Amino acid sequence: MTWHHPWLSLAGPESGDVVLLTPKSAGWEYCGLHVVRLEPGAMRTVSTGESEVFVLPLSGGLTIEVADASAPAVTETRLGLTGRASVFDRVTDFAYVGRDSLLRMISAHGAEVALPSARCERRRPPKYGAAPEVPVEVRGVGPATRQVTNFGTPGGWDHAERLMCCELITPPGNWSSYPPHKHDATDPCPVANEEIYFFRIAGPDGVSPSREGFGLHRTYTGPEHADAGLALIDETVEVRDGDVFCIPHGYHGPSAAAPGYPMYYLNVLAGAGERSMSFCDDPAHSWVRDTWAGTVPDPRCPVTSAIGRVTAATVVVDRSPP
């Protein structure tokens, strides 16, 4: 079984369903991802069912209306999302929509929207997330430097029961999710999360997603996974724009951007326990962190902010994945 899903292999039955991955189709309990392409002026309605979701513009802007599924004729909230030209252009505003909701989306000029989701127990009210309030940090140093946009992570966004999300931008030639790490049911991990990577790869202009660019992604298991009765995974794959990789367990990393092609991925995580992105390094590679002392971050990071692309910045190093 492969956990890599190339572009359009997860397309849904409705027009505009670029990705439709449910917990059932993924073969697990909580995480899902729906990527929808909105045609100009065409209304699209999505039922959240048992899951809470984020409404994250990937390109374009849109207006959303939210209704309680038990009273669909009554609009609970109406929000405008400014959005962005592409995921490599700026940090976007977003929205949270609770389970048992009807989400109506419309875009005057067309948009592509990610709806990462997690099955949960309680319905929470809709809430708007402003782009200037999204924490943006730089992680790693040297060729392991990357931008992490924490729009939906614990501490950055606590209006969620299980759903956790962040965005990564990796400059051309750099590695993300390194050293390899895990957050699953094997020792000594404090939490176990399912995880989805949704990739976008920019073309030669560094901003517009393109299928000509590529990157690499690795996920694998160790002896402790076999001892726990978990399925063995050993995949190193080429990823291109629009690809999805599902991680039920095991070490993941690196996600490497080919020289010339910036890499973006949306991380979606959820699990049965506390809402936490705690991780454990692969002990075979954790020593690499000790070599980072005195090495400076790549000055190409951060790449974006709420006001646009960043040309230069003074950064603070965070040495943790993803």
Protein backbone atom coordinates (compact mmCIF):
# COMPACT_ATOMS: atom_id res chain seq x y z
CA MET A 1 0.00 0.00 0.00
CA THR A 2 1.26 3.47 -0.83
CA TRP A 3 0.42 6.50 1.27
CA HIS A 4 1.37 8.85 -1.57
CA HIS A 5 -1.54 10.20 -3.62
CA PRO A 6 -0.49 12.02 -6.81
CA TRP A 7 -2.34 15.06 -8.12
CA LEU A 8 -6.02 14.41 -8.93
CA SER A 9 -5.91 10.80 -7.70
CA LEU A 10 -8.10 11.96 -4.78
CA ALA A 11 -10.44 14.12 -6.88
CA GLY A 12 -14.04 14.08 -5.63
CA PRO A 13 -17.27 13.44 -7.55
CA GLU A 14 -18.34 17.07 -7.77
CA SER A 15 -16.88 19.60 -10.19
CA GLY A 16 -14.09 21.49 -8.47
CA ASP A 17 -13.23 18.75 -5.95
CA VAL A 18 -9.45 18.72 -6.46
CA VAL A 19 -8.87 16.67 -3.29
CA LEU A 20 -11.48 14.80 -1.28
CA LEU A 21 -9.89 12.76 1.51
CA THR A 22 -12.09 11.62 4.39
CA PRO A 23 -11.05 9.68 7.51
CA LYS A 24 -12.77 6.63 6.03
CA SER A 25 -11.03 6.85 2.66
CA ALA A 26 -7.70 7.52 4.40
CA GLY A 27 -8.14 4.39 6.52
CA TRP A 28 -7.98 6.10 9.89
CA GLU A 29 -10.15 7.93 12.46
CA TYR A 30 -9.82 11.72 12.43
CA CYS A 31 -8.00 13.70 9.71
CA GLY A 32 -9.47 14.80 6.41
CA LEU A 33 -8.79 17.28 3.61
CA HIS A 34 -11.08 18.76 0.98
CA VAL A 35 -9.62 21.14 -1.62
CA VAL A 36 -12.26 22.96 -3.65
CA ARG A 37 -11.91 25.06 -6.79
CA LEU A 38 -14.61 27.75 -6.88
CA GLU A 39 -15.71 29.06 -10.26
CA PRO A 40 -16.38 32.83 -10.40
CA GLY A 41 -19.80 33.64 -8.97
CA ALA A 42 -20.79 30.00 -8.38
CA MET A 43 -22.01 29.08 -4.89
CA ARG A 44 -20.67 25.88 -3.36
CA THR A 45 -22.21 24.30 -0.25
CA VAL A 46 -20.30 21.81 1.92
CA SER A 47 -21.59 19.94 4.95
CA THR A 48 -19.01 19.58 7.71
CA GLY A 49 -20.76 16.54 9.19
CA GLU A 50 -18.89 15.13 12.19
CA SER A 51 -15.80 17.27 11.57
CA GLU A 52 -14.57 20.75 12.44
CA VAL A 53 -12.81 22.53 9.56
CA PHE A 54 -10.64 25.47 8.67
CA VAL A 55 -11.48 27.49 5.57
CA LEU A 56 -8.07 28.39 4.15
CA PRO A 57 -7.79 30.29 0.85
CA LEU A 58 -4.96 28.89 -1.27
CA SER A 59 -5.55 31.38 -4.06
CA GLY A 60 -8.19 34.08 -4.48
CA GLY A 61 -10.65 35.42 -1.95
CA LEU A 62 -14.18 34.41 -1.06
CA THR A 63 -17.22 35.04 1.10
CA ILE A 64 -18.55 32.33 3.37
CA GLU A 65 -21.85 31.81 5.12
CA VAL A 66 -22.26 29.32 7.95
CA ALA A 67 -25.50 27.79 9.19
CA ASP A 68 -26.23 25.22 11.85
CA ALA A 69 -27.16 22.01 10.00
CA SER A 70 -30.28 21.78 12.19
CA ALA A 71 -31.44 25.23 10.97
CA PRO A 72 -30.01 25.54 7.44
CA ALA A 73 -32.19 28.51 6.46
CA VAL A 74 -30.70 30.71 9.20
CA THR A 75 -27.29 32.21 8.45
CA GLU A 76 -25.24 32.04 11.64
CA THR A 77 -22.20 33.93 10.37
CA ARG A 78 -21.16 35.70 7.16
CA LEU A 79 -17.44 36.41 6.64
CA GLY A 80 -15.28 37.81 3.87
CA LEU A 81 -11.85 36.22 3.40
CA THR A 82 -9.39 38.42 1.53
CA GLY A 83 -7.19 35.48 0.56
CA ARG A 84 -4.06 35.75 -1.55
CA ALA A 85 -2.69 35.30 -5.06
CA SER A 86 -0.95 32.03 -4.12
CA VAL A 87 0.43 30.22 -1.09
CA PHE A 88 3.85 31.70 -1.97
CA ASP A 89 2.49 35.28 -2.05
CA ARG A 90 1.43 36.09 1.52
CA VAL A 91 -0.01 34.80 4.79
CA THR A 92 -3.80 34.65 4.45
CA ASP A 93 -6.75 35.20 6.69
CA PHE A 94 -8.94 32.16 7.34
CA ALA A 95 -11.99 30.90 9.22
CA TYR A 96 -12.96 28.09 11.57
CA VAL A 97 -16.29 26.28 11.08
CA GLY A 98 -17.61 23.75 13.60
CA ARG A 99 -19.07 20.30 13.06
CA ASP A 100 -22.74 19.89 12.06
CA SER A 101 -22.57 23.03 9.92
CA LEU A 102 -23.49 23.99 6.38
CA LEU A 103 -20.72 26.02 4.79
CA ARG A 104 -21.61 28.11 1.75
CA MET A 105 -18.73 29.57 -0.28
CA ILE A 106 -18.75 32.03 -3.19
CA SER A 107 -15.94 33.91 -4.93
CA ALA A 108 -16.44 36.79 -7.33
CA HIS A 109 -13.27 36.04 -9.30
CA GLY A 110 -12.70 32.36 -8.50
CA ALA A 111 -10.66 30.76 -5.75
CA GLU A 112 -9.03 27.57 -4.58
CA VAL A 113 -9.82 26.73 -0.96
CA ALA A 114 -8.45 24.09 1.41
CA LEU A 115 -10.82 22.65 4.02
CA PRO A 116 -8.63 20.64 6.42
CA SER A 117 -10.77 18.77 8.94
CA ALA A 118 -10.86 16.58 12.03
CA ARG A 119 -13.68 14.49 13.47
CA CYS A 120 -14.68 15.86 16.86
CA GLU A 121 -17.38 15.62 19.52
CA ARG A 122 -18.62 19.17 20.16
CA ARG A 123 -19.85 21.94 17.89
CA ARG A 124 -18.02 25.24 18.29
CA PRO A 125 -19.18 28.55 16.77
CA PRO A 126 -17.58 29.93 13.61
CA LYS A 127 -14.63 32.26 14.10
CA TYR A 128 -12.51 34.51 11.88
CA GLY A 129 -8.70 34.39 11.86
CA ALA A 130 -7.00 37.63 10.81
CA ALA A 131 -3.80 37.33 8.77
CA PRO A 132 -1.78 39.85 10.86
CA GLU A 133 -2.44 37.76 13.97
CA VAL A 134 -1.05 34.51 12.50
CA PRO A 135 2.30 33.58 14.12
CA VAL A 136 5.07 33.16 11.54
CA GLU A 137 8.37 31.63 12.61
CA VAL A 138 11.62 30.42 11.11
CA ARG A 139 12.78 26.93 12.06
CA GLY A 140 16.11 25.25 11.56
CA VAL A 141 19.36 26.69 10.22
CA GLY A 142 21.41 26.52 7.04
CA PRO A 143 19.91 24.16 4.44
CA ALA A 144 17.31 22.95 7.00
CA THR A 145 15.76 26.44 7.30
CA ARG A 146 12.03 26.77 6.57
CA GLN A 147 9.08 29.04 7.34
CA VAL A 148 6.28 27.75 9.55
CA THR A 149 2.98 29.64 9.48
CA ASN A 150 1.11 28.58 12.63
CA PHE A 151 -2.42 29.61 11.73
CA GLY A 152 -4.08 26.60 13.36
CA THR A 153 -1.65 25.22 15.93
CA PRO A 154 -2.06 24.90 19.72
CA GLY A 155 -1.20 28.22 21.31
CA GLY A 156 -1.58 30.05 18.01
CA TRP A 157 -5.23 28.99 17.60
CA ASP A 158 -7.06 27.37 20.50
CA HIS A 159 -10.61 27.56 19.11
CA ALA A 160 -10.65 23.89 18.06
CA GLU A 161 -11.20 20.52 19.70
CA ARG A 162 -8.84 18.27 17.71
CA LEU A 163 -7.86 19.98 14.47
CA MET A 164 -4.29 21.30 14.14
CA CYS A 165 -2.81 22.88 11.02
CA CYS A 166 0.20 24.84 9.87
CA GLU A 167 1.74 25.87 6.55
CA LEU A 168 5.39 25.29 5.60
CA ILE A 169 7.39 27.09 2.93
CA THR A 170 10.78 25.61 2.10
CA PRO A 171 13.15 27.64 -0.11
CA PRO A 172 14.63 25.91 -3.17
CA GLY A 173 17.27 23.36 -2.20
CA ASN A 174 16.34 23.28 1.51
CA TRP A 175 15.00 20.46 3.69
CA SER A 176 11.91 20.57 5.95
CA SER A 177 10.68 18.05 8.52
CA TYR A 178 14.27 17.41 9.50
CA PRO A 179 15.60 15.65 11.51
CA PRO A 180 12.96 12.96 10.86
CA HIS A 181 10.42 12.77 13.66
CA LYS A 182 7.29 10.90 14.71
CA HIS A 183 4.18 11.49 16.81
CA ASP A 184 2.46 8.13 17.05
CA ALA A 185 1.54 5.38 19.51
CA THR A 186 5.11 4.12 20.01
CA ASP A 187 7.40 5.08 22.89
CA PRO A 188 8.46 7.68 23.88
CA CYS A 189 5.87 9.81 22.05
CA PRO A 190 3.49 11.64 24.42
CA VAL A 191 0.73 11.98 21.78
CA ALA A 192 -0.35 10.12 18.65
CA ASN A 193 -1.52 12.06 15.60
CA GLU A 194 -2.59 11.19 12.09
CA GLU A 195 -1.06 13.62 9.61
CA ILE A 196 -1.64 14.85 6.06
CA TYR A 197 0.85 16.71 3.85
CA PHE A 198 -0.67 18.64 0.92
CA PHE A 199 2.05 19.92 -1.40
CA ARG A 200 2.26 22.94 -3.67
CA ILE A 201 5.41 23.50 -5.75
CA ALA A 202 6.16 26.87 -7.33
CA GLY A 203 7.47 27.22 -10.88
CA PRO A 204 10.41 29.33 -12.07
CA ASP A 205 8.84 32.62 -10.90
CA GLY A 206 8.84 31.32 -7.30
CA VAL A 207 5.20 32.32 -6.76
CA SER A 208 2.91 30.52 -9.22
CA PRO A 209 2.25 26.80 -8.54
CA SER A 210 3.42 24.63 -11.40
CA ARG A 211 3.59 20.91 -12.18
CA GLU A 212 7.07 21.23 -13.71
CA GLY A 213 8.78 21.58 -10.31
CA PHE A 214 9.19 18.79 -7.78
CA GLY A 215 10.43 17.81 -4.35
CA LEU A 216 11.08 14.65 -2.35
CA HIS A 217 9.34 13.26 0.72
CA ARG A 218 10.27 10.36 2.99
CA THR A 219 8.21 8.42 5.57
CA TYR A 220 9.42 5.22 7.23
CA THR A 221 8.99 3.05 10.32
CA GLY A 222 11.52 1.73 12.84
CA PRO A 223 11.80 -1.51 14.86
CA GLU A 224 9.52 -0.10 17.56
CA HIS A 225 6.67 0.16 15.05
CA ALA A 226 6.97 -3.51 14.11
CA ASP A 227 7.11 -4.41 17.80
CA ALA A 228 3.86 -2.47 18.32
CA GLY A 229 2.15 -4.33 15.48
CA LEU A 230 2.00 -1.28 13.22
CA ALA A 231 2.29 -1.67 9.46
CA LEU A 232 5.76 -1.16 8.02
CA ILE A 233 6.23 1.93 5.86
CA ASP A 234 9.27 2.70 3.71
CA GLU A 235 8.50 5.33 1.09
CA THR A 236 10.70 7.92 -0.56
CA VAL A 237 8.70 9.61 -3.30
CA GLU A 238 8.86 12.45 -5.76
CA VAL A 239 6.11 14.95 -4.97
CA ARG A 240 4.71 17.53 -7.36
CA ASP A 241 2.19 20.32 -7.14
CA GLY A 242 -1.13 19.08 -5.74
CA ASP A 243 0.16 15.76 -4.35
CA VAL A 244 -0.96 14.43 -0.95
CA PHE A 245 0.95 12.19 1.44
CA CYS A 246 -0.82 10.54 4.40
CA ILE A 247 1.15 9.57 7.53
CA PRO A 248 -0.67 7.14 9.84
CA HIS A 249 2.47 6.57 11.95
CA GLY A 250 6.22 6.44 11.58
CA TYR A 251 9.05 8.90 11.07
CA HIS A 252 8.58 11.56 8.44
CA GLY A 253 11.28 13.69 6.94
CA PRO A 254 12.80 15.14 5.06
CA SER A 255 10.54 16.98 2.68
CA ALA A 256 13.16 18.43 0.36
CA ALA A 257 12.63 21.18 -2.22
CA ALA A 258 14.52 20.68 -5.47
CA PRO A 259 16.89 23.52 -6.39
CA GLY A 260 14.96 26.16 -8.32
CA TYR A 261 11.54 25.18 -6.95
CA PRO A 262 10.10 26.47 -3.65
CA MET A 263 7.99 23.91 -1.78
CA TYR A 264 4.84 24.55 0.26
CA TYR A 265 2.89 22.04 2.23
CA LEU A 266 -0.18 22.22 4.41
CA ASN A 267 0.11 20.04 7.52
CA VAL A 268 -3.14 18.64 8.93
CA LEU A 269 -2.98 16.74 12.23
CA ALA A 270 -5.47 15.23 14.67
CA GLY A 271 -5.60 12.43 17.19
CA ALA A 272 -7.58 10.99 20.07
CA GLY A 273 -5.57 12.59 22.86
CA GLU A 274 -4.73 16.13 23.81
CA ARG A 275 -4.37 18.72 21.09
CA SER A 276 -0.59 18.69 20.85
CA MET A 277 2.03 18.61 18.10
CA SER A 278 4.68 17.07 20.36
CA PHE A 279 7.17 14.87 18.52
CA CYS A 280 10.11 12.53 18.96
CA ASP A 281 13.19 12.62 16.72
CA ASP A 282 14.51 9.49 15.08
CA PRO A 283 17.37 8.80 17.53
CA ALA A 284 19.61 7.82 14.62
CA HIS A 285 19.54 11.42 13.38
CA SER A 286 18.84 13.62 16.40
CA TRP A 287 22.59 14.33 16.77
CA VAL A 288 22.29 16.62 13.75
CA ARG A 289 20.71 19.29 15.96
CA ASP A 290 23.96 19.56 17.93
CA THR A 291 25.80 20.57 14.76
CA TRP A 292 23.56 23.61 14.28
CA ALA A 293 25.24 25.69 17.00
CA GLY A 294 26.72 28.78 15.41
CA THR A 295 25.04 28.18 12.04
CA VAL A 296 22.77 30.99 10.86
CA PRO A 297 19.32 30.55 9.35
CA ASP A 298 18.89 30.84 5.60
CA PRO A 299 18.19 34.57 4.97
CA ARG A 300 15.50 33.62 2.43
CA CYS A 301 13.22 32.86 5.38
CA PRO A 302 10.68 34.02 6.26
CA VAL A 303 9.35 34.06 2.70
CA THR A 304 5.96 35.66 3.36
CA SER A 305 4.08 37.78 5.88
CA ALA A 306 0.54 39.12 6.19
CA ILE A 307 1.48 42.06 3.95
CA GLY A 308 3.25 40.11 1.22
CA ARG A 309 6.57 38.56 0.32
CA VAL A 310 9.52 39.29 2.59
CA THR A 311 12.80 40.42 1.04
CA ALA A 312 14.98 40.48 4.16
CA ALA A 313 14.46 39.91 7.87
CA THR A 314 16.15 39.31 11.19
CA VAL A 315 15.03 35.91 12.42
CA VAL A 316 14.96 33.92 15.65
CA VAL A 317 15.81 30.22 15.40
CA ASP A 318 13.41 27.50 16.55
CA ARG A 319 15.11 24.11 16.34
CA SER A 320 12.03 21.88 16.27
CA PRO A 321 10.15 20.21 13.34
CA PRO A 322 8.12 20.14 11.22
